[in-house]
Amino acid sequence: MKDSQVRIRIPIHHPKEHCKASLAEERSGSIATSLQKNKLMQQQPDTRGTLPTGVKPNRRTTAVPSAVNSLETALPIAGAAAHDTRAATPLQVTLPHLRPSAGRTPRWGSRRPWLPFAAMAGVLVLAMAVPALMAWPRQTAQPLPPSSRTAAPAAPSVTAKGEMPVTRLPGVPPIPAVPAAPARSVPVAAEPDVRVYVTSTGRTETLPLEQYIVGVVAAEMPPSFEREALKAQAIAARTFIARRLLADDTSGAPAGADVTDTVKHQAYISKAKLTREWGRSGKSAELAKIQQAVRDTKDTIMVYEGKPITASFFSTSNGYTENSEDVWAKPVPYLRSVSSPWDKQLAPRYTETVTLSRQSVFDRLGLSRTAIAASTGGGSMPEIRILSKTEGHRIKKIEVGGSIFTGPEIRNKLGLRSAEFTWKAEGDRIAITTYGYGHGVGMSQWGANGMAKEGHTATQILLHYYTGISFAQASRILS
C-alpha cells in the first residue's frame, strides 16, 4: 500500500440495525457515558472536519470513497489526548446519507415502534368497512300522491316484525321499490232490514237494523240509565234479532213480519212515534243519548262458538239470575246463574205486594173446592208448601192444595212479578210479596245500570251476565 493512499473502513448500518442500535444505546445509556461523550467532543472540536472548498456533498453511495479520502487528508492530528481518545473510542464519521440531519428523528423512531402496525390495522379496517357500507340495506323515498305533494312529510313506515330497519346512505343510489300487491276488495254486506209488526196500527213496518235497535232500546230501558248500560242493552237487542234473522225464525209473528213490538219478542217504539212524542215532550236529549249508544255499538253482537246467542234479558233480579233450564227446561251453557246485588239497592219496585182473594187463587190455579177440602181436612184455606228452590234462589217447586206447581207456573197463572215470593193469609184473602221482576234469565237491566254506576263498561257487563261469550260483527255473521 502506498503512503499517499489512505483507506478508511466506514461501517454502513442498515436502517433496521440503526434503529436497534439507537434503542440499545438509549436503554443502556447513563449519566457517565453522556459526560464522557461531551468531554471527547470538547477535546476534538474538529473531529468531523470540513470538506474542501468547492466539494459538494453527495448523498449517493457511489460518491462516498472520494469524499472520505478528502476528509481523511483534511483531518489534523490533535496530539496525545486525541490519540488516547481514539484508542478508547473508535473513529466514527457521520455522513448525511447514514444519519438524519440534526433536530430530526427517524421516520419510525425508537420511541414509536408501533406506528407501522397501527397504520396497517387502519388500512385493514377501512378495507373491511367499505364493502359493508356498500352492502347495507337502503330505503327508497316513496313519492307523495299528486293531491298531497305540498302536505307535510309522512311519518316513517313501521317495519314488519323481525325485519331490519332501513337506512338511506347519502350518495348511494336507492334500491328499486318492490310494487305492493293490490289490496283485495272486501265486499261490505248491506245492512239488513227488520220487519216489525206494530200492534197499535196492525201494520208491518220495515226499517234498517240499526234504526230498529234505537226503537228497542227506547222501549226496553229508561233513557236515564247510564250510557254503558244503554250500550249493553243495544248489543243484547241486536244479538236477539240477529239470531232470528240468521235462522229465518219468524215464530210468534204474523205473516210477513220477523218480530212484533211486544215483550213476546222485544218491545219497540216506531221512528214516527219517537219523533212525534219524544220530540214534543222535551225528550230530544234522551233520544240523542240512546242514538249515540246504538252508534257506539254498531254491528256488535254476542256469539258463543261462533253463533249469535239467545240474548235474553229482564228488568230486576232478586239478587241472582237463573239457569235457563229452571225456566225453559233446556240448559244453555252461557245462561248460567250469577249474582246481581245492585238491583236491591237501585230498583224502585224491587219488592211488590199483591192481595188476591182465596177464590181467585183457586180459579187461576185450576183447583176445585173438593180437592182443596180433601187436602185440608175440610178447611177453606189450602195448604201452601215450598218443596225446592233454584240456584237463583227462586221457587222451583211448590205444593198448593195437594197439587204441585213450578215457580214459573205460579208466577204466570197468578200474574206475579217474580217466581221468588212469600205469602200471608189474611182472612179470606192472600197477600203475596214478590222480589224482583221478570223471568230472571240473562241480563238484569237494573243490575247492568248498577254495574255501569260503579264504572264497568258495556263489555264487562255483558261478560258478567252471559257466561263464556265473545263478540263479533253482525254483518259478517248475517252475510
Protein backbone atom coordinates (compact mmCIF):
# COMPACT_ATOMS: atom_id res chain seq x y z
CA MET A 1 0.00 0.00 0.00
CA LYS A 2 1.35 3.42 -0.93
CA ASP A 3 1.69 6.21 1.63
CA SER A 4 -0.42 8.57 -0.44
CA GLN A 5 -3.34 6.25 -0.36
CA VAL A 6 -5.31 6.12 2.85
CA ARG A 7 -8.14 3.67 3.22
CA ILE A 8 -10.76 4.08 5.92
CA ARG A 9 -13.36 1.38 6.66
CA ILE A 10 -16.63 3.10 7.36
CA PRO A 11 -19.37 0.94 8.87
CA ILE A 12 -22.61 1.35 7.00
CA HIS A 13 -25.63 0.50 9.16
CA HIS A 14 -28.83 -0.88 7.82
CA PRO A 15 -31.83 1.25 8.81
CA LYS A 16 -33.20 -1.61 10.92
CA GLU A 17 -29.83 -2.11 12.60
CA HIS A 18 -29.61 1.64 13.13
CA CYS A 19 -32.94 1.57 14.96
CA LYS A 20 -31.83 -1.36 17.09
CA ALA A 21 -28.53 0.27 17.90
CA SER A 22 -30.15 3.53 18.82
CA LEU A 23 -32.68 1.75 21.01
CA ALA A 24 -29.98 -0.26 22.75
CA GLU A 25 -27.88 2.85 23.25
CA GLU A 26 -30.81 4.70 24.79
CA ARG A 27 -31.70 1.82 27.07
CA SER A 28 -28.09 1.26 28.28
CA GLY A 29 -27.03 4.88 28.42
CA SER A 30 -26.09 6.55 31.69
CA ILE A 31 -25.02 9.92 33.00
CA ALA A 32 -21.40 8.87 33.00
CA THR A 33 -21.47 7.88 29.34
CA SER A 34 -23.01 11.20 28.37
CA LEU A 35 -20.32 13.12 30.27
CA GLN A 36 -17.59 11.10 28.58
CA LYS A 37 -19.00 11.89 25.17
CA ASN A 38 -19.23 15.60 25.98
CA LYS A 39 -15.62 15.64 27.15
CA LEU A 40 -14.48 13.88 23.98
CA MET A 41 -16.21 16.43 21.82
CA GLN A 42 -14.57 19.31 23.69
CA GLN A 43 -11.14 17.74 23.14
CA GLN A 44 -11.87 17.12 19.45
CA PRO A 45 -13.81 20.06 18.16
CA ASP A 46 -12.66 19.34 14.58
CA THR A 47 -13.15 15.58 14.55
CA ARG A 48 -15.68 15.73 11.78
CA GLY A 49 -13.50 18.09 9.76
CA THR A 50 -14.62 20.21 6.95
CA LEU A 51 -14.92 19.47 3.31
CA PRO A 52 -12.58 21.35 0.95
CA THR A 53 -14.00 24.38 -0.70
CA GLY A 54 -15.80 23.58 -3.88
CA VAL A 55 -16.55 20.00 -2.88
CA LYS A 56 -20.32 19.49 -2.64
CA PRO A 57 -21.54 16.64 -0.51
CA ASN A 58 -23.29 13.99 -2.48
CA ARG A 59 -25.87 11.71 -0.86
CA ARG A 60 -25.37 8.98 -3.46
CA THR A 61 -23.48 5.94 -2.27
CA THR A 62 -21.21 5.88 -5.29
CA ALA A 63 -19.52 9.16 -4.22
CA VAL A 64 -18.60 8.02 -0.74
CA PRO A 65 -14.91 6.91 -1.37
CA SER A 66 -13.73 10.21 -2.83
CA ALA A 67 -15.42 12.23 -0.11
CA VAL A 68 -13.90 10.02 2.54
CA ASN A 69 -10.40 10.41 1.07
CA SER A 70 -10.64 14.15 1.08
CA LEU A 71 -11.99 14.15 4.60
CA GLU A 72 -9.16 11.96 5.89
CA THR A 73 -6.44 14.09 4.42
CA ALA A 74 -8.02 17.20 5.95
CA LEU A 75 -8.21 15.83 9.50
CA PRO A 76 -5.28 17.13 11.69
CA ILE A 77 -3.62 15.17 14.41
CA ALA A 78 -4.70 16.73 17.69
CA GLY A 79 -1.95 15.44 19.99
CA ALA A 80 -1.64 12.83 22.70
CA ALA A 81 -5.06 13.47 24.10
CA ALA A 82 -6.61 12.87 20.74
CA HIS A 83 -4.74 9.62 20.28
CA ASP A 84 -5.82 8.42 23.71
CA THR A 85 -9.40 9.22 22.90
CA ARG A 86 -9.25 7.44 19.56
CA ALA A 87 -7.70 4.49 21.25
CA ALA A 88 -10.59 4.30 23.69
CA THR A 89 -13.27 5.16 21.16
CA PRO A 90 -13.03 4.14 17.52
CA LEU A 91 -13.43 6.88 14.98
CA GLN A 92 -16.98 7.19 13.66
CA VAL A 93 -17.64 9.53 10.79
CA THR A 94 -21.23 10.54 10.30
CA LEU A 95 -22.35 11.20 6.75
CA PRO A 96 -25.59 12.70 5.57
CA HIS A 97 -26.91 9.53 3.93
CA LEU A 98 -26.17 7.46 7.04
CA ARG A 99 -27.84 9.65 9.68
CA PRO A 100 -30.66 12.23 9.63
CA SER A 101 -29.77 15.86 9.98
CA ALA A 102 -29.69 17.48 13.41
CA GLY A 103 -33.05 18.01 15.12
CA ARG A 104 -34.85 15.25 13.16
CA THR A 105 -35.78 11.74 14.26
CA PRO A 106 -36.05 8.66 12.09
CA ARG A 107 -39.35 8.11 10.34
CA TRP A 108 -40.09 5.12 12.54
CA GLY A 109 -38.33 6.31 15.67
CA SER A 110 -37.30 4.10 18.51
CA ARG A 111 -39.91 5.71 20.72
CA ARG A 112 -42.85 4.68 18.44
CA PRO A 113 -42.18 1.22 17.04
CA TRP A 114 -45.94 0.50 16.91
CA LEU A 115 -46.74 3.07 14.23
CA PRO A 116 -46.31 0.74 11.21
CA PHE A 117 -48.64 -1.81 12.75
CA ALA A 118 -51.21 0.87 13.59
CA ALA A 119 -51.16 2.10 10.02
CA MET A 120 -51.60 -1.41 8.66
CA ALA A 121 -54.50 -2.04 11.07
CA GLY A 122 -56.21 1.19 9.97
CA VAL A 123 -55.94 0.22 6.32
CA LEU A 124 -57.33 -3.22 7.10
CA VAL A 125 -60.34 -1.80 8.99
CA LEU A 126 -61.07 0.63 6.16
CA ALA A 127 -60.88 -2.17 3.63
CA MET A 128 -63.44 -4.18 5.60
CA ALA A 129 -65.78 -1.22 6.28
CA VAL A 130 -66.22 -0.09 2.69
CA PRO A 131 -67.82 -3.34 1.41
CA ALA A 132 -70.05 -3.46 4.49
CA LEU A 133 -71.31 0.08 3.88
CA MET A 134 -71.92 -0.69 0.22
CA ALA A 135 -73.99 -3.78 1.13
CA TRP A 136 -76.05 -2.01 3.85
CA PRO A 137 -79.85 -2.04 3.07
CA ARG A 138 -81.26 1.22 1.79
CA GLN A 139 -84.69 2.77 1.77
CA THR A 140 -86.32 4.35 -1.20
CA ALA A 141 -88.23 7.54 -0.84
CA GLN A 142 -91.90 6.98 -1.58
CA PRO A 143 -93.39 9.68 -3.81
CA LEU A 144 -96.33 11.61 -2.45
CA PRO A 145 -99.66 11.30 -4.23
CA PRO A 146 -100.50 14.19 -6.56
CA SER A 147 -103.11 15.54 -4.15
CA SER A 148 -100.74 15.75 -1.19
CA ARG A 149 -97.38 16.79 -2.64
CA THR A 150 -97.49 20.02 -0.69
CA ALA A 151 -98.57 18.37 2.54
CA ALA A 152 -96.30 17.65 5.46
CA PRO A 153 -93.97 14.67 5.04
CA ALA A 154 -95.49 11.39 6.11
CA ALA A 155 -94.26 9.58 9.17
CA PRO A 156 -91.72 6.81 8.50
CA SER A 157 -93.30 3.48 7.83
CA VAL A 158 -93.16 0.86 10.56
CA THR A 159 -91.16 -2.19 9.63
CA ALA A 160 -92.63 -5.61 9.98
CA LYS A 161 -91.83 -7.75 12.99
CA GLY A 162 -88.38 -9.28 12.69
CA GLU A 163 -87.37 -7.02 9.76
CA MET A 164 -84.18 -4.96 9.82
CA PRO A 165 -84.62 -1.16 9.96
CA VAL A 166 -83.92 0.54 6.66
CA THR A 167 -81.29 3.29 6.46
CA ARG A 168 -80.69 5.56 3.47
CA LEU A 169 -76.98 6.27 2.87
CA PRO A 170 -76.13 9.60 1.19
CA GLY A 171 -74.68 9.30 -2.27
CA VAL A 172 -75.76 5.69 -2.71
CA PRO A 173 -78.47 5.05 -5.34
CA PRO A 174 -81.65 3.61 -3.81
CA ILE A 175 -82.83 0.08 -4.42
CA PRO A 176 -85.89 -0.04 -6.66
CA ALA A 177 -89.03 -0.47 -4.56
CA VAL A 178 -90.98 -3.71 -4.89
CA PRO A 179 -94.52 -2.90 -6.00
CA ALA A 180 -97.10 -3.84 -3.38
CA ALA A 181 -99.70 -6.43 -4.20
CA PRO A 182 -103.06 -4.86 -4.98
CA ALA A 183 -105.40 -5.00 -1.99
CA ARG A 184 -108.33 -7.30 -2.50
CA SER A 185 -111.61 -5.55 -2.11
CA VAL A 186 -113.72 -6.97 0.70
CA PRO A 187 -117.42 -6.70 -0.07
CA VAL A 188 -119.34 -4.92 2.65
CA ALA A 189 -122.65 -6.57 3.42
CA ALA A 190 -125.64 -4.30 3.20
CA GLU A 191 -127.41 -3.55 6.46
CA PRO A 192 -130.36 -5.96 6.72
CA ASP A 193 -133.93 -4.80 7.16
CA VAL A 194 -136.19 -5.83 10.01
CA ARG A 195 -139.94 -6.27 9.56
CA VAL A 196 -141.77 -5.30 12.75
CA TYR A 197 -145.47 -5.85 13.30
CA VAL A 198 -146.86 -2.80 15.13
CA THR A 199 -149.85 -3.95 17.19
CA SER A 200 -151.33 -0.46 17.62
CA THR A 201 -151.75 0.01 13.87
CA GLY A 202 -151.91 -3.59 12.70
CA ARG A 203 -149.28 -2.87 10.07
CA THR A 204 -145.79 -4.18 9.43
CA GLU A 205 -143.01 -1.61 9.46
CA THR A 206 -139.79 -2.32 7.55
CA LEU A 207 -136.66 -0.42 8.56
CA PRO A 208 -132.84 -0.86 8.76
CA LEU A 209 -131.44 -2.97 11.58
CA GLU A 210 -129.68 -0.14 13.45
CA GLN A 211 -132.79 2.03 13.38
CA TYR A 212 -134.79 -0.86 14.77
CA ILE A 213 -132.31 -1.15 17.67
CA VAL A 214 -132.91 2.53 18.56
CA GLY A 215 -136.63 1.82 18.92
CA VAL A 216 -135.99 -1.30 21.04
CA VAL A 217 -133.60 0.42 23.47
CA ALA A 218 -136.02 3.33 23.84
CA ALA A 219 -138.83 0.90 24.72
CA GLU A 220 -136.87 -1.58 26.86
CA MET A 221 -134.62 0.62 29.05
CA PRO A 222 -135.16 4.02 30.69
CA PRO A 223 -133.08 6.71 28.94
CA SER A 224 -131.97 7.96 32.36
CA PHE A 225 -129.78 4.85 32.75
CA GLU A 226 -126.01 5.10 32.47
CA ARG A 227 -124.55 5.24 28.96
CA GLU A 228 -122.68 1.93 29.37
CA ALA A 229 -125.90 0.23 30.43
CA LEU A 230 -127.65 1.58 27.32
CA LYS A 231 -124.80 0.27 25.17
CA ALA A 232 -125.08 -3.16 26.79
CA GLN A 233 -128.82 -3.13 26.09
CA ALA A 234 -128.19 -2.18 22.44
CA ILE A 235 -125.78 -5.11 21.96
CA ALA A 236 -128.22 -7.53 23.59
CA ALA A 237 -131.14 -6.30 21.45
CA ARG A 238 -129.04 -6.50 18.27
CA THR A 239 -127.93 -10.03 19.14
CA PHE A 240 -131.54 -11.13 19.73
CA ILE A 241 -132.77 -10.03 16.30
CA ALA A 242 -129.58 -11.18 14.53
CA ARG A 243 -130.15 -14.72 15.80
CA ARG A 244 -133.72 -14.73 14.48
CA LEU A 245 -132.71 -13.30 11.11
CA LEU A 246 -129.87 -15.81 10.71
CA ALA A 247 -132.19 -18.74 11.48
CA ASP A 248 -135.03 -17.19 9.45
CA ASP A 249 -137.13 -17.55 12.58
CA THR A 250 -140.49 -15.77 12.40
CA SER A 251 -142.21 -17.72 15.15
CA GLY A 252 -144.79 -15.73 17.11
CA ALA A 253 -145.05 -13.03 14.44
CA PRO A 254 -147.81 -12.51 11.83
CA ALA A 255 -147.13 -13.45 8.24
CA GLY A 256 -144.74 -11.06 6.55
CA ALA A 257 -143.13 -9.94 9.82
CA ASP A 258 -139.97 -11.01 11.65
CA VAL A 259 -140.98 -9.85 15.14
CA THR A 260 -143.71 -7.97 16.97
CA ASP A 261 -143.35 -4.80 19.03
CA THR A 262 -144.31 -6.57 22.29
CA VAL A 263 -142.34 -8.21 25.08
CA LYS A 264 -143.10 -11.53 23.38
CA HIS A 265 -140.08 -10.65 21.23
CA GLN A 266 -138.73 -7.17 22.03
CA ALA A 267 -140.62 -4.03 22.92
CA TYR A 268 -140.28 -1.41 20.18
CA ILE A 269 -141.24 2.25 19.61
CA SER A 270 -141.58 3.27 15.98
CA LYS A 271 -139.45 6.03 14.47
CA ALA A 272 -142.53 8.18 13.79
CA LYS A 273 -143.67 7.89 17.41
CA LEU A 274 -140.22 8.70 18.73
CA THR A 275 -140.00 11.79 16.55
CA ARG A 276 -143.53 12.92 17.34
CA GLU A 277 -143.86 12.16 21.05
CA TRP A 278 -140.31 12.31 22.35
CA GLY A 279 -139.51 15.45 20.36
CA ARG A 280 -142.58 17.33 21.51
CA SER A 281 -142.33 16.25 25.14
CA GLY A 282 -138.83 17.63 25.57
CA LYS A 283 -137.05 14.27 25.45
CA SER A 284 -134.82 15.10 22.49
CA ALA A 285 -131.71 14.83 24.69
CA GLU A 286 -132.75 11.37 25.92
CA LEU A 287 -133.37 10.22 22.34
CA ALA A 288 -129.96 11.54 21.26
CA LYS A 289 -128.37 9.65 24.16
CA ILE A 290 -129.95 6.39 23.01
CA GLN A 291 -128.98 7.00 19.39
CA GLN A 292 -125.37 7.61 20.45
CA ALA A 293 -125.30 4.36 22.44
CA VAL A 294 -126.52 2.49 19.34
CA ARG A 295 -123.88 4.18 17.15
CA ASP A 296 -121.12 3.34 19.64
CA THR A 297 -122.00 -0.36 19.43
CA LYS A 298 -122.87 -0.51 15.75
CA ASP A 299 -122.71 -4.00 14.21
CA THR A 300 -121.61 -5.62 17.50
CA ILE A 301 -123.30 -8.81 18.72
CA MET A 302 -122.57 -11.57 21.21
CA VAL A 303 -121.66 -15.05 19.98
CA TYR A 304 -120.97 -18.42 21.55
CA GLU A 305 -118.90 -20.85 19.49
CA GLY A 306 -119.30 -18.51 16.52
CA LYS A 307 -123.11 -18.27 16.59
CA PRO A 308 -125.34 -15.48 17.92
CA ILE A 309 -126.65 -16.26 21.38
CA THR A 310 -130.14 -16.13 22.81
CA ALA A 311 -129.62 -12.74 24.45
CA SER A 312 -132.48 -12.85 26.95
CA PHE A 313 -132.79 -10.04 29.48
CA PHE A 314 -135.26 -8.90 32.16
CA SER A 315 -135.91 -5.95 34.42
CA THR A 316 -134.92 -6.74 38.02
CA SER A 317 -133.36 -9.71 39.76
CA ASN A 318 -133.91 -10.93 43.29
CA GLY A 319 -130.13 -10.78 43.80
CA TYR A 320 -129.34 -13.62 41.37
CA THR A 321 -130.09 -14.62 37.79
CA GLU A 322 -131.49 -18.02 36.82
CA ASN A 323 -130.17 -21.06 34.97
CA SER A 324 -132.04 -21.45 31.71
CA GLU A 325 -133.27 -24.99 32.50
CA ASP A 326 -135.05 -23.78 35.63
CA VAL A 327 -137.26 -21.54 33.48
CA TRP A 328 -137.37 -23.04 29.98
CA ALA A 329 -136.43 -26.68 30.72
CA LYS A 330 -133.42 -26.52 28.38
CA PRO A 331 -129.85 -25.94 29.61
CA VAL A 332 -127.91 -23.26 27.74
CA PRO A 333 -124.16 -23.02 28.53
CA TYR A 334 -123.99 -19.21 28.52
CA LEU A 335 -127.23 -18.64 30.50
CA ARG A 336 -125.97 -19.51 33.97
CA SER A 337 -126.97 -18.17 37.37
CA VAL A 338 -124.78 -15.28 38.59
CA SER A 339 -125.07 -12.81 41.44
CA SER A 340 -126.68 -9.40 40.87
CA PRO A 341 -126.62 -7.42 44.13
CA TRP A 342 -127.20 -3.99 42.52
CA ASP A 343 -130.93 -4.49 41.88
CA LYS A 344 -131.97 -4.39 45.52
CA GLN A 345 -130.14 -1.10 46.00
CA LEU A 346 -131.42 0.70 42.87
CA ALA A 347 -134.69 -0.77 41.60
CA PRO A 348 -137.64 1.29 42.91
CA ARG A 349 -140.01 -1.71 42.72
CA TYR A 350 -137.65 -4.39 43.92
CA THR A 351 -140.45 -5.73 46.17
CA GLU A 352 -144.16 -5.56 45.49
CA THR A 353 -147.13 -6.99 47.38
CA VAL A 354 -150.43 -8.01 45.77
CA THR A 355 -153.53 -9.26 47.58
CA LEU A 356 -155.76 -11.87 45.96
CA SER A 357 -158.95 -13.50 47.13
CA ARG A 358 -158.88 -17.15 48.01
CA GLN A 359 -161.36 -17.99 45.30
CA SER A 360 -159.31 -16.09 42.71
CA VAL A 361 -156.27 -18.14 43.64
CA PHE A 362 -158.25 -21.38 43.33
CA ASP A 363 -159.64 -20.44 39.98
CA ARG A 364 -156.31 -19.31 38.46
CA LEU A 365 -154.54 -22.42 39.62
CA GLY A 366 -157.38 -24.68 38.49
CA LEU A 367 -158.10 -26.06 41.94
CA SER A 368 -161.61 -27.24 42.80
CA ARG A 369 -163.18 -26.80 46.19
CA THR A 370 -163.49 -30.56 46.55
CA ALA A 371 -159.76 -31.09 46.04
CA ILE A 372 -158.89 -28.30 48.46
CA ALA A 373 -161.29 -29.62 51.12
CA ALA A 374 -159.77 -33.08 50.81
CA SER A 375 -156.24 -31.77 51.17
CA THR A 376 -157.05 -29.53 54.13
CA GLY A 377 -159.37 -31.89 56.03
CA GLY A 378 -162.43 -29.77 55.39
CA GLY A 379 -160.74 -26.38 55.85
CA SER A 380 -161.25 -23.48 53.47
CA MET A 381 -157.59 -22.33 53.18
CA PRO A 382 -155.34 -24.56 51.03
CA GLU A 383 -152.01 -25.63 52.36
CA ILE A 384 -149.02 -23.98 50.57
CA ARG A 385 -145.64 -25.60 50.98
CA ILE A 386 -142.32 -24.92 49.15
CA LEU A 387 -140.69 -28.13 48.00
CA SER A 388 -137.44 -26.83 46.40
CA LYS A 389 -135.64 -23.72 45.20
CA THR A 390 -133.45 -22.98 42.20
CA GLU A 391 -129.82 -21.93 42.17
CA GLY A 392 -131.12 -18.40 41.60
CA HIS A 393 -132.99 -18.53 44.94
CA ARG A 394 -136.42 -18.66 43.32
CA ILE A 395 -139.16 -21.20 43.94
CA LYS A 396 -138.55 -24.30 41.86
CA LYS A 397 -141.46 -26.47 43.06
CA ILE A 398 -144.34 -25.67 45.35
CA GLU A 399 -147.37 -27.59 46.61
CA VAL A 400 -150.74 -25.79 46.75
CA GLY A 401 -153.85 -27.66 47.90
CA GLY A 402 -152.27 -31.04 47.18
CA SER A 403 -151.16 -30.10 43.66
CA ILE A 404 -147.51 -29.47 42.69
CA PHE A 405 -146.52 -26.50 40.54
CA THR A 406 -143.26 -24.96 39.38
CA GLY A 407 -142.33 -21.47 40.44
CA PRO A 408 -142.71 -20.03 36.90
CA GLU A 409 -146.14 -21.67 36.63
CA ILE A 410 -147.37 -19.95 39.80
CA ARG A 411 -145.90 -16.66 38.57
CA ASN A 412 -147.64 -16.88 35.19
CA LYS A 413 -151.00 -18.16 36.49
CA LEU A 414 -151.26 -15.59 39.26
CA GLY A 415 -149.67 -12.76 37.28
CA LEU A 416 -146.83 -12.21 39.74
CA ARG A 417 -143.75 -10.09 39.01
CA SER A 418 -141.31 -12.82 40.01
CA ALA A 419 -141.03 -16.51 40.87
CA GLU A 420 -139.45 -15.54 44.17
CA PHE A 421 -142.28 -14.71 46.54
CA THR A 422 -143.71 -15.14 50.03
CA TRP A 423 -147.40 -15.19 51.10
CA LYS A 424 -149.56 -14.47 54.09
CA ALA A 425 -153.22 -15.43 54.66
CA GLU A 426 -155.44 -12.60 55.86
CA GLY A 427 -158.94 -13.96 56.40
CA ASP A 428 -160.42 -14.81 53.06
CA ARG A 429 -157.55 -13.16 51.20
CA ILE A 430 -153.91 -14.00 50.45
CA ALA A 431 -151.16 -11.31 50.38
CA ILE A 432 -148.25 -12.31 48.09
CA THR A 433 -144.96 -10.34 48.14
CA THR A 434 -142.59 -10.72 45.15
CA TYR A 435 -138.84 -9.92 44.89
CA GLY A 436 -137.51 -8.70 41.55
CA TYR A 437 -139.26 -8.50 38.22
CA GLY A 438 -139.02 -10.79 35.23
CA HIS A 439 -138.11 -14.36 34.35
CA GLY A 440 -134.59 -13.94 35.70
CA VAL A 441 -132.62 -15.42 32.76
CA GLY A 442 -129.77 -13.45 31.17
CA MET A 443 -129.01 -9.79 31.87
CA SER A 444 -130.72 -7.83 34.59
CA GLN A 445 -131.30 -4.29 33.34
CA TRP A 446 -131.20 -2.70 36.77
CA GLY A 447 -128.15 -4.79 37.58
CA ALA A 448 -126.48 -3.52 34.39
CA ASN A 449 -127.21 0.05 35.45
CA GLY A 450 -125.71 -0.66 38.85
CA MET A 451 -122.54 -2.04 37.29
CA ALA A 452 -122.30 0.98 34.99
CA LYS A 453 -122.58 3.30 38.00
CA GLU A 454 -119.58 1.51 39.51
CA GLY A 455 -117.54 2.20 36.37
CA HIS A 456 -117.93 -1.08 34.48
CA THR A 457 -118.05 -0.96 30.67
CA ALA A 458 -120.73 -2.45 28.46
CA THR A 459 -118.37 -5.29 27.58
CA GLN A 460 -117.76 -6.11 31.24
CA ILE A 461 -121.47 -6.01 31.98
CA LEU A 462 -122.29 -8.48 29.21
CA LEU A 463 -119.42 -10.79 30.11
CA HIS A 464 -120.79 -10.93 33.67
CA TYR A 465 -124.36 -11.86 32.77
CA TYR A 466 -123.59 -14.11 29.76
CA THR A 467 -121.04 -16.76 30.70
CA GLY A 468 -118.25 -17.56 28.22
CA ILE A 469 -119.45 -15.41 25.31
CA SER A 470 -117.40 -13.36 22.86
CA PHE A 471 -118.17 -10.57 20.40
CA ALA A 472 -118.47 -10.45 16.61
CA GLN A 473 -119.81 -8.32 13.77
CA ALA A 474 -123.41 -8.89 12.77
CA SER A 475 -122.67 -8.03 9.14
CA ARG A 476 -120.17 -10.87 8.86
CA ILE A 477 -122.47 -13.37 10.55
CA LEU A 478 -125.52 -12.45 8.51
CA SER A 479 -123.63 -12.32 5.20
